[in-house]
Amino acid sequence: MQPLTSPRRGAADPCHLKHRLFDTRQLSLDLARPLSAEDMVVQAMEDASPTKWHLAHVTWFFETFVLSKFSQGYRVFDERFGFCFNSYYESQGARHPRPRRGLLTRPPIEDVFAYREHVDTALADLLGDDEALDGDAARLIEIGINHEQQHQELLLTDVLALFAVSPLRPAYRSPAPRAVAAASTGVLRWIDFGGGVHPAGHEGDGFAWDNERPRHETLIHPFRFADGLVTNGEWLEFIEDGGYNNAMLWLADGWATVKREGWLAPGYWENVDGAWHSMTLAGFGPVDPAAPVAHVSYFEADAFARWSGKRLPTEFEWEFAARDVALAGNDLGTGALRPLPVDDTADASALPRQMFGDVWEWTQSAYLPYPGYRVPEGAIGEYNGKFMVSQHVLRGASCVTPSGHTRRTYRNFFYPHQRWQFAGVRLAADANP
């Protein structure tokens, strides 16, 4: 299997924008190609969406926010699709309930592919005359590209959720071959960072979501930061020590969730004849003790940190620690489709490893607006601002994040009980007195 590539990065000129747009649009189709028509219709749970819905929703986004506003004479493909494929934009009218997206057997997948082709043709026409491209149109196309990349990641995590409940335990696809990493030494290295007042948030003219702005100063106390991610082997120790049965390790809401859901291990783990196995995009198999743990909720991440005698980092500590780390790692572009063990043969560095790939990393920071934040005007203002409550921030990227999509200032966010995403743990601690 060839690695899954993402849009090329570079200057934000119209010609380059066109290439990135259609690279992104093609990647969505490539990700859907291993699936059957039946695979693309069903919905594993309320948090997930069918592949067919993802493919149509990102297309509806371009049709609604770009073509209908900037393409003279554009013909809407089907007026009914707005109801079917709107996600949460109240300003755009009524929509099909999210928990029932799996009941949308119509339109058939062939119509969704025709919808994408119709919209792509109109986008190509709009971008055909580079000099005439409206600045607002270019901005919304850029948003649409990043929006579709987010749904590419969601598409894969939702496919995993779907295949995990199948008695056939199907594999989405075989992963790309990789070199076998050296066995972990089991010794966790710690990196010390000094305190002070440091800037946080995005600056400059490059693309960023509104929740990454404005750049502002933050007070950071001296702290210690783990060199790598928490592994499955370390999580097995937590399980064997009764971590899921010790109420003293858990936040009250977390303990209630553990009892209600019957959690005994991370998501997609299953004990088979005394050995832990897990469902992955490559199918069902034994848990790799050297690989980073994934599919854990904020509640689990916090409980593990307490058990370890450590804590989760704040999002500002994480961003400060990442300031000199290269934006590269095990993301969708590697084709691995799963978290990989860190290579212990690599030269030790003063910089943390695995920060932009493998798993999104829970922080202890609540998802809140930055000082001076203002919700953007219009429908796009519904994208981030109205969700700034009751969720926690994750930083970095995962093994299914499209290459080039993340940044040091990127703020992902989920509710503390959610764990179907590739979410994992990096520990932090206060500096020694």
Protein backbone atom coordinates (compact mmCIF):
# COMPACT_ATOMS: atom_id res chain seq x y z
CA MET A 1 0.00 0.00 0.00
CA GLN A 2 1.30 3.45 -0.86
CA PRO A 3 1.39 6.02 1.95
CA LEU A 4 -1.65 8.27 1.99
CA THR A 5 -0.55 11.73 0.95
CA SER A 6 -2.16 15.02 1.80
CA PRO A 7 -2.28 18.40 0.05
CA ARG A 8 0.98 20.14 -0.72
CA ARG A 9 1.92 23.06 1.49
CA GLY A 10 3.27 26.41 0.43
CA ALA A 11 2.30 29.95 -0.47
CA ALA A 12 -1.41 30.71 -0.35
CA ASP A 13 -1.67 31.85 -3.99
CA PRO A 14 -4.81 30.91 -5.98
CA CYS A 15 -3.00 28.42 -8.22
CA HIS A 16 -1.53 26.62 -5.22
CA LEU A 17 -4.91 26.75 -3.50
CA LYS A 18 -6.47 24.96 -6.46
CA HIS A 19 -3.93 22.13 -6.28
CA ARG A 20 -4.39 21.75 -2.54
CA LEU A 21 -8.16 21.80 -2.89
CA PHE A 22 -8.32 18.98 -5.41
CA ASP A 23 -5.59 16.97 -3.70
CA THR A 24 -7.76 17.10 -0.60
CA ARG A 25 -10.94 16.21 -2.47
CA GLN A 26 -9.19 13.22 -4.07
CA LEU A 27 -7.79 11.99 -0.76
CA SER A 28 -11.33 11.68 0.65
CA LEU A 29 -12.26 9.39 -2.26
CA ASP A 30 -9.06 7.40 -1.78
CA LEU A 31 -9.91 6.84 1.88
CA ALA A 32 -13.39 5.59 0.95
CA ARG A 33 -12.15 3.24 -1.79
CA PRO A 34 -11.51 0.16 0.43
CA LEU A 35 -15.11 0.29 1.67
CA SER A 36 -18.20 -1.39 0.28
CA ALA A 37 -21.42 0.53 -0.32
CA GLU A 38 -22.84 -1.17 2.79
CA ASP A 39 -19.84 -0.05 4.87
CA MET A 40 -20.45 3.56 3.87
CA VAL A 41 -24.08 3.73 5.05
CA VAL A 42 -24.17 2.49 8.63
CA GLN A 43 -23.34 4.34 11.85
CA ALA A 44 -21.70 2.60 14.80
CA MET A 45 -22.77 5.06 17.50
CA GLU A 46 -24.10 8.58 17.99
CA ASP A 47 -20.63 10.17 18.04
CA ALA A 48 -19.72 8.60 14.69
CA SER A 49 -21.08 9.26 11.20
CA PRO A 50 -21.32 7.06 8.11
CA THR A 51 -18.64 7.46 5.44
CA LYS A 52 -21.31 8.44 2.93
CA TRP A 53 -22.39 11.28 5.20
CA HIS A 54 -18.81 12.55 5.61
CA LEU A 55 -18.30 12.58 1.82
CA ALA A 56 -21.53 14.47 1.29
CA HIS A 57 -21.20 16.87 4.22
CA VAL A 58 -17.81 18.28 3.18
CA THR A 59 -19.25 18.72 -0.32
CA TRP A 60 -22.29 20.51 1.09
CA PHE A 61 -19.87 22.83 2.91
CA PHE A 62 -18.25 23.96 -0.36
CA GLU A 63 -21.60 24.24 -2.09
CA THR A 64 -23.20 26.27 0.70
CA PHE A 65 -20.39 28.58 1.79
CA VAL A 66 -18.39 28.99 -1.44
CA LEU A 67 -20.29 28.19 -4.62
CA SER A 68 -23.69 29.56 -3.62
CA LYS A 69 -22.05 32.87 -2.68
CA PHE A 70 -19.26 33.34 -5.24
CA SER A 71 -20.08 31.25 -8.32
CA GLN A 72 -22.42 33.22 -10.57
CA GLY A 73 -25.23 31.07 -11.90
CA TYR A 74 -24.32 28.04 -9.79
CA ARG A 75 -27.06 25.39 -9.77
CA VAL A 76 -27.58 23.62 -6.43
CA PHE A 77 -27.30 19.88 -7.03
CA ASP A 78 -30.31 18.91 -4.91
CA GLU A 79 -32.16 21.28 -2.59
CA ARG A 80 -32.98 18.38 -0.26
CA PHE A 81 -29.32 17.66 0.49
CA GLY A 82 -29.06 20.65 2.82
CA PHE A 83 -31.39 18.94 5.28
CA CYS A 84 -29.55 15.61 4.97
CA PHE A 85 -25.96 16.83 5.19
CA ASN A 86 -25.90 19.98 7.34
CA SER A 87 -24.09 19.16 10.57
CA TYR A 88 -24.79 21.79 13.24
CA TYR A 89 -25.15 25.11 11.41
CA GLU A 90 -28.33 26.55 12.89
CA SER A 91 -28.07 29.50 10.52
CA GLN A 92 -28.47 27.13 7.57
CA GLY A 93 -31.79 25.69 8.65
CA ALA A 94 -33.21 22.37 9.85
CA ARG A 95 -31.20 19.17 9.48
CA HIS A 96 -31.40 15.42 9.91
CA PRO A 97 -30.69 14.37 13.55
CA ARG A 98 -27.08 13.34 14.11
CA PRO A 99 -27.89 10.07 15.93
CA ARG A 100 -29.94 8.93 12.91
CA ARG A 101 -27.46 9.60 10.09
CA GLY A 102 -27.10 5.84 9.65
CA LEU A 103 -30.73 5.70 8.51
CA LEU A 104 -30.00 7.80 5.42
CA THR A 105 -30.08 4.92 2.95
CA ARG A 106 -31.13 7.51 0.39
CA PRO A 107 -29.61 9.25 -1.46
CA PRO A 108 -27.62 6.22 -2.64
CA ILE A 109 -23.83 6.40 -2.64
CA GLU A 110 -23.84 6.84 -6.44
CA ASP A 111 -25.73 10.09 -6.00
CA VAL A 112 -23.21 11.27 -3.40
CA PHE A 113 -20.36 10.62 -5.82
CA ALA A 114 -22.30 12.51 -8.51
CA TYR A 115 -22.82 15.34 -6.01
CA ARG A 116 -19.08 15.55 -5.37
CA GLU A 117 -18.35 15.61 -9.11
CA HIS A 118 -20.93 18.35 -9.68
CA VAL A 119 -19.44 20.52 -6.92
CA ASP A 120 -15.85 19.82 -7.95
CA THR A 121 -16.59 20.88 -11.51
CA ALA A 122 -18.05 24.15 -10.26
CA LEU A 123 -15.09 24.72 -7.94
CA ALA A 124 -12.70 24.17 -10.85
CA ASP A 125 -14.61 26.74 -12.89
CA LEU A 126 -14.51 29.20 -10.00
CA LEU A 127 -10.75 28.75 -9.62
CA GLY A 128 -10.07 28.71 -13.33
CA ASP A 129 -9.34 32.46 -13.54
CA ASP A 130 -6.80 32.88 -10.77
CA GLU A 131 -6.72 36.67 -11.00
CA ALA A 132 -10.48 36.97 -10.51
CA LEU A 133 -10.72 34.91 -7.33
CA ASP A 134 -12.39 36.90 -4.58
CA GLY A 135 -10.36 37.19 -1.36
CA ASP A 136 -13.29 36.06 0.76
CA ALA A 137 -13.80 33.09 -1.56
CA ALA A 138 -10.15 32.08 -1.19
CA ARG A 139 -10.46 32.32 2.60
CA LEU A 140 -13.54 30.09 2.63
CA ILE A 141 -11.94 27.57 0.29
CA GLU A 142 -8.98 27.39 2.69
CA ILE A 143 -11.39 26.79 5.56
CA GLY A 144 -13.13 24.13 3.46
CA ILE A 145 -9.83 22.34 2.80
CA ASN A 146 -9.00 22.20 6.50
CA HIS A 147 -12.57 21.23 7.31
CA GLU A 148 -12.42 18.29 4.88
CA GLN A 149 -9.10 17.19 6.38
CA GLN A 150 -10.78 17.03 9.78
CA HIS A 151 -13.50 14.84 8.32
CA GLN A 152 -10.90 12.58 6.70
CA GLU A 153 -9.62 11.80 10.18
CA LEU A 154 -13.15 11.37 11.47
CA LEU A 155 -13.98 9.09 8.55
CA LEU A 156 -11.22 6.67 9.57
CA THR A 157 -11.96 6.76 13.29
CA ASP A 158 -15.63 6.17 12.52
CA VAL A 159 -14.78 3.24 10.23
CA LEU A 160 -12.76 1.73 13.09
CA ALA A 161 -15.72 2.16 15.44
CA LEU A 162 -17.92 0.41 12.88
CA PHE A 163 -15.60 -2.51 12.17
CA ALA A 164 -14.96 -3.00 15.89
CA VAL A 165 -18.61 -4.02 16.42
CA SER A 166 -18.62 -6.42 13.47
CA PRO A 167 -18.38 -10.12 14.40
CA LEU A 168 -16.19 -10.60 11.31
CA ARG A 169 -13.53 -8.19 12.66
CA PRO A 170 -12.70 -6.87 9.18
CA ALA A 171 -9.54 -4.93 8.39
CA TYR A 172 -9.93 -1.57 6.69
CA ARG A 173 -6.66 -2.15 4.84
CA SER A 174 -3.24 -3.63 5.39
CA PRO A 175 -0.79 -1.10 6.80
CA ALA A 176 2.31 -0.03 4.93
CA PRO A 177 5.40 -2.14 5.72
CA ARG A 178 7.65 -0.57 8.32
CA ALA A 179 10.97 -1.23 9.93
CA VAL A 180 10.78 -2.94 13.30
CA ALA A 181 11.60 -0.48 16.06
CA ALA A 182 14.04 -1.42 18.74
CA ALA A 183 12.51 -2.68 21.94
CA SER A 184 11.84 0.07 24.43
CA THR A 185 14.24 0.34 27.31
CA GLY A 186 11.31 0.99 29.59
CA VAL A 187 13.11 4.02 31.00
CA LEU A 188 11.04 7.17 30.76
CA ARG A 189 13.16 10.26 30.20
CA TRP A 190 12.10 13.61 31.60
CA ILE A 191 12.82 17.03 30.16
CA ASP A 192 12.90 20.07 32.43
CA PHE A 193 11.44 23.39 31.28
CA GLY A 194 11.81 26.68 33.06
CA GLY A 195 8.94 28.92 33.93
CA GLY A 196 8.13 32.45 32.95
CA VAL A 197 5.73 34.48 30.86
CA HIS A 198 5.53 32.99 27.36
CA PRO A 199 3.35 33.65 24.33
CA ALA A 200 0.72 31.14 23.25
CA GLY A 201 -1.58 30.98 20.26
CA HIS A 202 -1.16 31.47 16.54
CA GLU A 203 0.50 34.47 14.97
CA GLY A 204 1.25 35.44 11.40
CA ASP A 205 -0.69 35.20 8.16
CA GLY A 206 -0.77 31.41 7.80
CA PHE A 207 -4.04 29.54 8.26
CA ALA A 208 -5.27 28.83 11.77
CA TRP A 209 -8.68 28.22 13.27
CA ASP A 210 -10.24 31.08 15.17
CA ASN A 211 -9.87 29.15 18.46
CA GLU A 212 -6.06 29.41 18.14
CA ARG A 213 -6.19 33.19 18.36
CA PRO A 214 -5.46 35.77 19.59
CA ARG A 215 -1.84 35.23 20.57
CA HIS A 216 -1.45 36.17 24.20
CA GLU A 217 0.89 35.83 27.16
CA THR A 218 0.64 32.95 29.60
CA LEU A 219 2.32 32.35 32.93
CA ILE A 220 4.03 28.96 33.04
CA HIS A 221 5.62 27.58 36.18
CA PRO A 222 8.71 25.36 35.90
CA PHE A 223 7.64 21.86 34.90
CA ARG A 224 8.86 18.46 33.77
CA PHE A 225 7.67 16.90 30.51
CA ALA A 226 7.82 13.23 29.51
CA ASP A 227 10.05 12.51 26.54
CA GLY A 228 7.53 10.05 25.06
CA LEU A 229 3.97 8.84 25.21
CA VAL A 230 2.47 6.38 27.66
CA THR A 231 2.66 2.90 26.14
CA ASN A 232 0.29 -0.06 26.11
CA GLY A 233 2.74 -1.91 28.34
CA GLU A 234 2.54 0.81 30.97
CA TRP A 235 -1.24 0.79 30.68
CA LEU A 236 -1.25 -2.97 31.26
CA GLU A 237 0.52 -2.31 34.56
CA PHE A 238 -2.23 0.15 35.46
CA ILE A 239 -4.87 -2.47 34.69
CA GLU A 240 -3.08 -5.23 36.60
CA ASP A 241 -2.71 -2.92 39.61
CA GLY A 242 -6.50 -2.49 39.73
CA GLY A 243 -6.59 0.96 38.18
CA TYR A 244 -10.09 0.53 36.85
CA ASN A 245 -11.33 -0.63 40.26
CA ASN A 246 -9.77 2.04 42.48
CA ALA A 247 -12.24 4.87 42.99
CA MET A 248 -9.58 7.01 44.66
CA LEU A 249 -7.81 7.49 41.31
CA TRP A 250 -10.81 8.85 39.47
CA LEU A 251 -12.68 12.11 39.15
CA ALA A 252 -16.28 11.70 40.32
CA ASP A 253 -17.73 11.91 36.79
CA GLY A 254 -15.01 9.57 35.57
CA TRP A 255 -15.75 6.95 38.20
CA ALA A 256 -19.46 7.15 37.40
CA THR A 257 -18.64 6.64 33.71
CA VAL A 258 -16.40 3.63 34.45
CA LYS A 259 -19.16 1.99 36.46
CA ARG A 260 -21.91 2.84 33.96
CA GLU A 261 -19.97 1.72 30.88
CA GLY A 262 -18.19 -1.22 32.51
CA TRP A 263 -14.77 -0.07 31.35
CA LEU A 264 -11.92 -2.46 32.17
CA ALA A 265 -9.39 -1.31 29.55
CA PRO A 266 -8.95 1.22 26.73
CA GLY A 267 -11.43 1.34 23.88
CA TYR A 268 -11.33 -1.61 21.44
CA TRP A 269 -9.36 -3.80 23.88
CA GLU A 270 -10.62 -7.31 24.56
CA ASN A 271 -9.21 -10.03 26.80
CA VAL A 272 -8.92 -13.29 24.85
CA ASP A 273 -7.84 -16.32 26.90
CA GLY A 274 -5.97 -14.12 29.35
CA ALA A 275 -4.20 -11.97 26.75
CA TRP A 276 -5.23 -8.48 25.67
CA HIS A 277 -6.08 -7.92 22.01
CA SER A 278 -7.36 -4.81 20.28
CA MET A 279 -9.22 -3.84 17.15
CA THR A 280 -7.27 -1.64 14.73
CA LEU A 281 -7.72 -0.47 11.16
CA ALA A 282 -5.52 -3.45 10.23
CA GLY A 283 -7.89 -5.86 11.99
CA PHE A 284 -7.92 -7.65 15.33
CA GLY A 285 -4.70 -8.75 17.01
CA PRO A 286 -2.56 -8.78 20.15
CA VAL A 287 -1.85 -5.47 21.85
CA ASP A 288 1.67 -4.20 21.12
CA PRO A 289 3.12 -3.31 24.55
CA ALA A 290 5.69 -0.92 23.02
CA ALA A 291 3.16 1.16 21.06
CA PRO A 292 1.49 4.26 22.52
CA VAL A 293 -1.82 3.59 24.21
CA ALA A 294 -4.80 4.96 22.28
CA HIS A 295 -8.56 5.27 22.59
CA VAL A 296 -8.58 6.44 26.18
CA SER A 297 -10.84 9.15 27.54
CA TYR A 298 -9.80 12.21 29.50
CA PHE A 299 -11.13 10.47 32.61
CA GLU A 300 -8.81 7.50 32.00
CA ALA A 301 -5.85 9.73 31.14
CA ASP A 302 -6.31 11.68 34.37
CA ALA A 303 -6.68 8.50 36.46
CA PHE A 304 -3.52 7.01 34.94
CA ALA A 305 -1.60 10.19 35.68
CA ARG A 306 -2.72 10.09 39.31
CA TRP A 307 -1.74 6.41 39.54
CA SER A 308 1.68 7.34 38.16
CA GLY A 309 2.15 10.10 40.70
CA LYS A 310 2.22 12.63 37.87
CA ARG A 311 -0.33 14.79 36.05
CA LEU A 312 -1.40 15.78 32.55
CA PRO A 313 0.26 18.86 31.03
CA THR A 314 -1.65 22.06 30.49
CA GLU A 315 -2.13 22.99 26.86
CA PHE A 316 0.24 25.93 27.34
CA GLU A 317 2.98 23.74 28.77
CA TRP A 318 2.49 21.41 25.81
CA GLU A 319 2.74 24.27 23.29
CA PHE A 320 5.83 25.67 25.02
CA ALA A 321 7.50 22.25 25.01
CA ALA A 322 6.71 21.85 21.30
CA ARG A 323 8.11 25.20 20.20
CA ASP A 324 11.29 23.69 18.67
CA VAL A 325 9.89 20.28 17.69
CA ALA A 326 9.59 19.55 13.97
CA LEU A 327 6.06 19.24 12.58
CA ALA A 328 6.59 15.64 11.53
CA GLY A 329 5.64 12.24 12.82
CA ASN A 330 3.53 9.15 12.31
CA ASP A 331 0.46 10.72 10.70
CA LEU A 332 -1.79 9.62 7.84
CA GLY A 333 0.99 10.20 5.33
CA THR A 334 3.05 7.28 6.69
CA GLY A 335 0.31 4.79 5.89
CA ALA A 336 0.82 3.02 9.24
CA LEU A 337 -2.80 3.69 10.33
CA ARG A 338 -1.93 2.91 13.94
CA PRO A 339 0.30 4.29 16.71
CA LEU A 340 3.86 3.01 16.46
CA PRO A 341 6.54 2.40 19.10
CA VAL A 342 9.16 5.08 19.48
CA ASP A 343 12.49 4.19 17.92
CA ASP A 344 14.89 3.82 20.83
CA THR A 345 17.84 3.53 18.45
CA ALA A 346 17.49 7.21 17.56
CA ASP A 347 19.88 9.61 19.18
CA ALA A 348 18.61 11.01 22.45
CA SER A 349 17.57 14.62 22.17
CA ALA A 350 16.65 17.41 24.48
CA LEU A 351 13.36 17.63 22.58
CA PRO A 352 10.26 15.56 23.28
CA ARG A 353 9.36 12.83 20.78
CA GLN A 354 6.07 11.69 19.19
CA MET A 355 4.43 15.10 19.55
CA PHE A 356 2.95 15.33 16.04
CA GLY A 357 1.61 11.89 15.28
CA ASP A 358 0.54 8.56 16.76
CA VAL A 359 -2.12 9.93 19.14
CA TRP A 360 -3.71 13.21 20.11
CA GLU A 361 -2.58 14.06 23.62
CA TRP A 362 -5.00 14.96 26.37
CA THR A 363 -4.18 18.08 28.36
CA GLN A 364 -5.69 19.12 31.66
CA SER A 365 -6.89 22.37 30.08
CA ALA A 366 -10.58 23.04 29.63
CA TYR A 367 -11.56 24.14 26.13
CA LEU A 368 -12.12 27.86 26.67
CA PRO A 369 -11.70 31.02 24.58
CA TYR A 370 -8.39 32.82 24.72
CA PRO A 371 -8.35 36.34 26.23
CA GLY A 372 -9.76 38.73 23.65
CA TYR A 373 -11.35 36.00 21.53
CA ARG A 374 -14.27 37.06 19.36
CA VAL A 375 -16.56 34.67 17.52
CA PRO A 376 -16.27 35.27 13.74
CA GLU A 377 -19.27 36.84 12.08
CA GLY A 378 -21.70 34.80 10.01
CA ALA A 379 -22.32 31.07 9.78
CA ILE A 380 -18.60 30.22 10.07
CA GLY A 381 -18.78 31.63 13.59
CA GLU A 382 -20.67 28.46 14.55
CA TYR A 383 -17.60 26.34 13.83
CA ASN A 384 -15.71 26.59 17.14
CA GLY A 385 -16.97 29.23 19.54
CA LYS A 386 -20.25 27.65 20.56
CA PHE A 387 -18.48 24.48 21.71
CA MET A 388 -16.25 26.20 24.27
CA VAL A 389 -17.75 24.52 27.32
CA SER A 390 -17.52 21.14 29.08
CA GLN A 391 -14.71 19.83 26.83
CA HIS A 392 -10.96 19.38 27.14
CA VAL A 393 -8.13 20.34 24.80
CA LEU A 394 -5.95 17.79 23.03
CA ARG A 395 -2.73 18.75 21.26
CA GLY A 396 -0.53 17.28 18.53
CA ALA A 397 -1.85 14.91 15.85
CA SER A 398 -2.66 11.23 15.41
CA CYS A 399 -1.78 8.38 13.07
CA VAL A 400 -4.79 9.29 10.91
CA THR A 401 -4.36 13.09 10.87
CA PRO A 402 -3.69 14.24 7.28
CA SER A 403 -0.11 15.39 6.76
CA GLY A 404 0.31 19.15 6.99
CA HIS A 405 -2.97 19.65 8.84
CA THR A 406 -1.73 20.28 12.36
CA ARG A 407 0.28 23.09 14.01
CA ARG A 408 1.96 23.71 17.33
CA THR A 409 -1.01 25.91 18.25
CA TYR A 410 -3.72 23.51 17.00
CA ARG A 411 -6.45 22.93 19.59
CA ASN A 412 -8.45 19.74 19.21
CA PHE A 413 -11.25 19.20 21.71
CA PHE A 414 -13.54 16.44 22.91
CA TYR A 415 -15.81 15.68 25.84
CA PRO A 416 -14.02 13.94 28.72
CA HIS A 417 -15.88 10.64 28.30
CA GLN A 418 -15.16 10.24 24.57
CA ARG A 419 -12.52 7.75 23.48
CA TRP A 420 -13.27 6.54 19.96
CA GLN A 421 -10.63 8.93 18.63
CA PHE A 422 -6.90 8.12 18.61
CA ALA A 423 -6.34 9.89 21.93
CA GLY A 424 -3.49 9.06 24.28
CA VAL A 425 -1.40 10.33 27.18
CA ARG A 426 1.83 12.20 27.85
CA LEU A 427 2.71 12.82 31.47
CA ALA A 428 3.94 16.01 33.08
CA ALA A 429 4.96 16.98 36.59
CA ASP A 430 5.80 20.04 38.63
CA ALA A 431 9.49 20.85 38.77
CA ASN A 432 11.40 19.49 41.72
CA PRO A 433 11.50 22.05 44.55
